[in-house]
Amino acid sequence: MSKKKDRLRRQLAYFERNLPFGARTLHALGRRENRLYRIPLGLLLVIGGVIGFLPVLGFWMLPLGLLLLSIDIPALQGIVSAVIIWARRRLSIWHRRWQAWRSR
């Protein structure tokens, strides 16, 4: 397995451990035999995210679609895993600041 794919797998495993409401779905979509479902779903989510300014759709669909597509497209794996790591670090910093502010 390549280094980028391994890093992406670790990020997906983190989501499976820490998001109990979506762990089963994420695990099922990540399996090799579900590639026929994953690619069209990822494309639909990306398209829906691009036109997320419409009332029913949302911008949340874009990162989720890219995450699904990155499982099968090696060119996206490094970028998506780097963005996930960056976002996790940012959230951790914000959470620590929030806790410090609340404890005053």
Protein backbone atom coordinates (compact mmCIF):
# COMPACT_ATOMS: atom_id res chain seq x y z
CA MET A 1 0.00 0.00 0.00
CA SER A 2 1.29 3.46 -0.80
CA LYS A 3 2.08 5.99 1.90
CA LYS A 4 -0.79 8.29 0.86
CA LYS A 5 -3.32 5.48 0.83
CA ASP A 6 -2.14 4.26 4.22
CA ARG A 7 -2.49 7.77 5.68
CA LEU A 8 -6.00 8.07 4.23
CA ARG A 9 -6.94 4.68 5.71
CA ARG A 10 -5.79 5.88 9.15
CA GLN A 11 -8.00 8.98 8.83
CA LEU A 12 -10.99 6.87 7.81
CA ALA A 13 -10.34 4.55 10.76
CA TYR A 14 -10.32 7.61 13.04
CA PHE A 15 -13.75 8.62 11.72
CA GLU A 16 -15.06 5.09 12.20
CA ARG A 17 -13.92 5.10 15.84
CA ASN A 18 -15.12 8.58 16.72
CA LEU A 19 -18.32 8.99 14.72
CA PRO A 20 -20.60 6.25 16.00
CA PHE A 21 -23.59 7.39 13.93
CA GLY A 22 -21.76 6.98 10.62
CA ALA A 23 -19.23 4.28 11.43
CA ARG A 24 -21.21 1.40 9.99
CA THR A 25 -22.02 3.29 6.78
CA LEU A 26 -18.44 4.51 6.33
CA HIS A 27 -17.09 1.01 6.91
CA ALA A 28 -19.54 -0.50 4.42
CA LEU A 29 -18.76 2.11 1.75
CA GLY A 30 -15.03 1.63 2.25
CA ARG A 31 -15.14 -2.06 1.32
CA ARG A 32 -13.67 -3.03 -2.03
CA GLU A 33 -16.85 -4.59 -3.45
CA ASN A 34 -18.84 -1.39 -2.91
CA ARG A 35 -16.80 0.57 -5.43
CA LEU A 36 -19.72 0.58 -7.89
CA TYR A 37 -21.80 2.47 -5.31
CA ARG A 38 -19.02 4.65 -3.94
CA ILE A 39 -17.92 6.36 -7.16
CA PRO A 40 -21.36 7.50 -8.40
CA LEU A 41 -22.35 8.54 -4.86
CA GLY A 42 -19.12 10.52 -4.52
CA LEU A 43 -19.70 12.24 -7.86
CA LEU A 44 -23.28 13.12 -6.92
CA LEU A 45 -22.14 14.55 -3.61
CA VAL A 46 -19.44 16.66 -5.29
CA ILE A 47 -21.92 17.99 -7.84
CA GLY A 48 -24.44 18.68 -5.08
CA GLY A 49 -21.76 20.43 -3.05
CA VAL A 50 -20.75 22.65 -5.96
CA ILE A 51 -24.34 23.85 -6.30
CA GLY A 52 -24.74 23.96 -2.53
CA PHE A 53 -26.21 27.44 -2.53
CA LEU A 54 -29.57 25.91 -3.47
CA PRO A 55 -31.98 25.34 -0.55
CA VAL A 56 -32.02 21.52 -0.46
CA LEU A 57 -28.34 20.93 -1.16
CA GLY A 58 -25.46 22.02 1.01
CA PHE A 59 -21.76 22.69 0.91
CA TRP A 60 -21.24 19.79 3.35
CA MET A 61 -21.69 17.46 0.39
CA LEU A 62 -18.43 18.53 -1.30
CA PRO A 63 -15.94 17.27 1.31
CA LEU A 64 -17.92 14.08 1.84
CA GLY A 65 -17.96 13.40 -1.91
CA LEU A 66 -14.22 14.06 -2.19
CA LEU A 67 -13.61 11.72 0.73
CA LEU A 68 -15.54 8.93 -1.00
CA LEU A 69 -13.80 9.55 -4.32
CA SER A 70 -10.36 9.62 -2.71
CA ILE A 71 -10.74 5.99 -1.69
CA ASP A 72 -10.57 4.99 -5.36
CA ILE A 73 -8.65 7.86 -7.00
CA PRO A 74 -4.98 7.92 -5.92
CA ALA A 75 -4.48 11.55 -7.04
CA LEU A 76 -6.96 12.72 -4.38
CA GLN A 77 -5.65 10.61 -1.51
CA GLY A 78 -2.79 12.86 -0.45
CA ILE A 79 -4.80 16.06 -0.70
CA VAL A 80 -7.85 14.73 1.13
CA SER A 81 -5.85 13.15 3.95
CA ALA A 82 -3.82 16.37 4.38
CA VAL A 83 -7.02 18.42 4.61
CA ILE A 84 -8.50 15.99 7.14
CA ILE A 85 -5.36 16.21 9.29
CA TRP A 86 -5.36 20.02 9.04
CA ALA A 87 -9.04 20.20 10.00
CA ARG A 88 -8.57 17.85 12.95
CA ARG A 89 -5.70 19.97 14.26
CA ARG A 90 -7.72 23.17 13.81
CA LEU A 91 -10.69 21.68 15.65
CA SER A 92 -8.40 20.54 18.45
CA ILE A 93 -6.96 24.05 18.84
CA TRP A 94 -10.43 25.63 18.82
CA HIS A 95 -11.67 23.10 21.34
CA ARG A 96 -8.77 23.82 23.73
CA ARG A 97 -9.36 27.57 23.41
CA TRP A 98 -13.07 27.09 24.04
CA GLN A 99 -12.38 24.99 27.15
CA ALA A 100 -9.92 27.58 28.44
CA TRP A 101 -12.43 30.37 27.86
CA ARG A 102 -15.24 28.45 29.58
CA SER A 103 -13.12 27.66 32.63
CA ARG A 104 -12.46 31.34 33.44
